[in-house]
């Protein structure tokens, strides 16, 4: 049996706004949107292989992402120019948490928080992992 990740889901305060920000700042595409009952957005990166589902269901508690250590939960993105991407994302409302730092294997990593507190890790891999 072959399995493939289709999406992972995050309960957020404003799914529509989060999806727009990820589309505008990270080049994602909104693949599906619905507002029947509660807002839900599926966004995909340029590979179209994995999606993030953002939803805002009133009956579900919104986690305090900003209070979580970024190493407990973060979304990692491959990035070819960390300094320029960091500058652009900070100008768009992100907060730089750490980095960029180069690891012993030559990878460069930076941790940010998007405007809703979700941790975003930017990765430049010396040897691509996927």
Protein backbone atom coordinates (compact mmCIF):
# COMPACT_ATOMS: atom_id res chain seq x y z
CA UNK A 1 0.00 0.00 0.00
CA UNK A 2 1.42 3.35 -1.03
CA UNK A 3 0.57 6.34 1.16
CA UNK A 4 1.12 10.01 0.42
CA UNK A 5 0.41 13.06 2.57
CA UNK A 6 -2.43 15.05 1.04
CA UNK A 7 -2.75 17.78 3.69
CA UNK A 8 -2.46 18.68 7.33
CA UNK A 9 -4.95 20.92 9.08
CA UNK A 10 -4.66 23.88 11.43
CA UNK A 11 -7.44 25.58 13.36
CA UNK A 12 -6.82 29.34 13.08
CA UNK A 13 -8.70 32.51 13.97
CA UNK A 14 -9.28 33.68 10.38
CA UNK A 15 -8.78 30.95 7.77
CA UNK A 16 -9.50 33.26 4.84
CA UNK A 17 -6.94 35.87 5.92
CA UNK A 18 -4.29 33.25 6.70
CA UNK A 19 -4.77 31.64 3.27
CA UNK A 20 -4.49 35.00 1.52
CA UNK A 21 -1.27 35.79 3.43
CA UNK A 22 0.28 32.42 2.51
CA UNK A 23 -0.73 32.93 -1.12
CA UNK A 24 0.66 36.46 -1.30
CA UNK A 25 3.82 35.93 0.76
CA UNK A 26 4.78 32.32 -0.02
CA UNK A 27 3.30 31.90 -3.49
CA UNK A 28 0.72 29.33 -2.44
CA UNK A 29 -2.46 28.67 -4.40
CA UNK A 30 -5.87 28.33 -2.81
CA UNK A 31 -7.06 24.94 -4.09
CA UNK A 32 -10.42 24.84 -2.31
CA UNK A 33 -12.40 27.37 -0.30
CA UNK A 34 -15.71 27.10 1.48
CA UNK A 35 -17.63 29.18 4.00
CA UNK A 36 -20.58 26.86 4.62
CA UNK A 37 -20.82 26.62 8.39
CA UNK A 38 -17.29 27.88 8.94
CA UNK A 39 -14.40 29.16 6.79
CA UNK A 40 -12.04 26.56 5.36
CA UNK A 41 -9.17 27.00 2.91
CA UNK A 42 -6.84 24.44 1.38
CA UNK A 43 -3.59 25.94 0.08
CA UNK A 44 -0.80 24.26 -1.88
CA UNK A 45 2.76 25.26 -2.63
CA UNK A 46 4.12 25.37 -6.18
CA UNK A 47 4.74 21.60 -6.20
CA UNK A 48 0.99 20.92 -5.76
CA UNK A 49 1.95 17.80 -3.78
CA UNK A 50 0.96 18.71 -0.21
CA UNK A 51 -1.66 21.10 1.09
CA UNK A 52 -2.25 22.96 4.33
CA UNK A 53 -5.85 23.22 5.45
CA UNK A 54 -6.69 26.33 7.44
CA UNK A 55 -10.08 26.34 9.10
CA UNK A 56 -11.93 28.47 11.63
CA UNK A 57 -14.50 26.28 13.33
CA UNK A 58 -16.15 28.21 16.19
CA UNK A 59 -16.77 25.09 18.30
CA UNK A 60 -13.05 24.19 18.32
CA UNK A 61 -10.48 25.92 20.50
CA UNK A 62 -7.78 27.83 18.66
CA UNK A 63 -4.37 26.71 19.90
CA UNK A 64 -2.09 29.43 21.24
CA UNK A 65 0.54 28.87 18.55
CA UNK A 66 2.51 31.95 19.62
CA UNK A 67 3.02 30.45 23.09
CA UNK A 68 4.32 27.13 21.71
CA UNK A 69 8.04 26.61 21.40
CA UNK A 70 8.70 26.56 17.63
CA UNK A 71 10.42 23.21 18.08
CA UNK A 72 7.13 21.73 19.32
CA UNK A 73 5.37 22.73 16.11
CA UNK A 74 6.53 24.49 12.97
CA UNK A 75 5.98 24.36 9.22
CA UNK A 76 9.27 24.08 7.32
CA UNK A 77 9.75 25.52 3.84
CA UNK A 78 12.73 25.09 1.52
CA UNK A 79 14.09 28.50 0.62
CA UNK A 80 16.94 29.48 -1.71
CA UNK A 81 17.57 32.98 -0.31
CA UNK A 82 17.04 33.18 3.45
CA UNK A 83 18.07 36.83 4.00
CA UNK A 84 15.78 38.21 1.28
CA UNK A 85 12.88 35.96 2.28
CA UNK A 86 13.25 36.88 5.95
CA UNK A 87 13.26 40.58 5.07
CA UNK A 88 10.15 40.20 2.89
CA UNK A 89 8.22 38.15 5.47
CA UNK A 90 9.11 40.49 8.33
CA UNK A 91 7.88 43.42 6.22
CA UNK A 92 4.63 41.45 5.74
CA UNK A 93 4.05 41.04 9.47
CA UNK A 94 6.19 38.05 10.47
CA UNK A 95 8.48 38.04 13.49
CA UNK A 96 12.02 36.71 13.24
CA UNK A 97 12.54 34.28 16.13
CA UNK A 98 16.03 32.98 15.36
CA UNK A 99 18.64 32.72 12.64
CA UNK A 100 19.61 32.47 10.03
CA UNK A 101 22.16 29.98 11.34
CA UNK A 102 24.35 27.52 9.49
CA UNK A 103 24.54 23.99 10.89
CA UNK A 104 27.57 21.71 10.79
CA UNK A 105 26.23 19.96 7.68
CA UNK A 106 25.93 23.26 5.78
CA UNK A 107 22.17 23.73 6.11
CA UNK A 108 20.95 27.24 6.88
CA UNK A 109 17.86 27.62 9.08
CA UNK A 110 15.75 30.51 10.31
CA UNK A 111 12.63 30.48 12.45
CA UNK A 112 9.86 33.06 12.14
CA UNK A 113 6.26 33.44 13.25
CA UNK A 114 3.59 34.44 10.79
CA UNK A 115 1.18 37.24 11.82
CA UNK A 116 -1.02 34.66 13.64
CA UNK A 117 1.83 33.15 15.65
CA UNK A 118 2.35 29.99 13.61
CA UNK A 119 6.02 29.02 13.51
CA UNK A 120 7.60 28.99 10.06
CA UNK A 121 11.04 27.52 9.52
CA UNK A 122 12.96 28.55 6.42
CA UNK A 123 15.51 25.97 5.27
CA UNK A 124 18.31 26.15 2.77
CA UNK A 125 19.56 22.56 2.49
CA UNK A 126 23.15 21.94 1.45
CA UNK A 127 21.91 18.57 0.22
CA UNK A 128 18.18 18.51 -0.63
CA UNK A 129 16.16 16.15 1.56
CA UNK A 130 13.19 15.74 -0.80
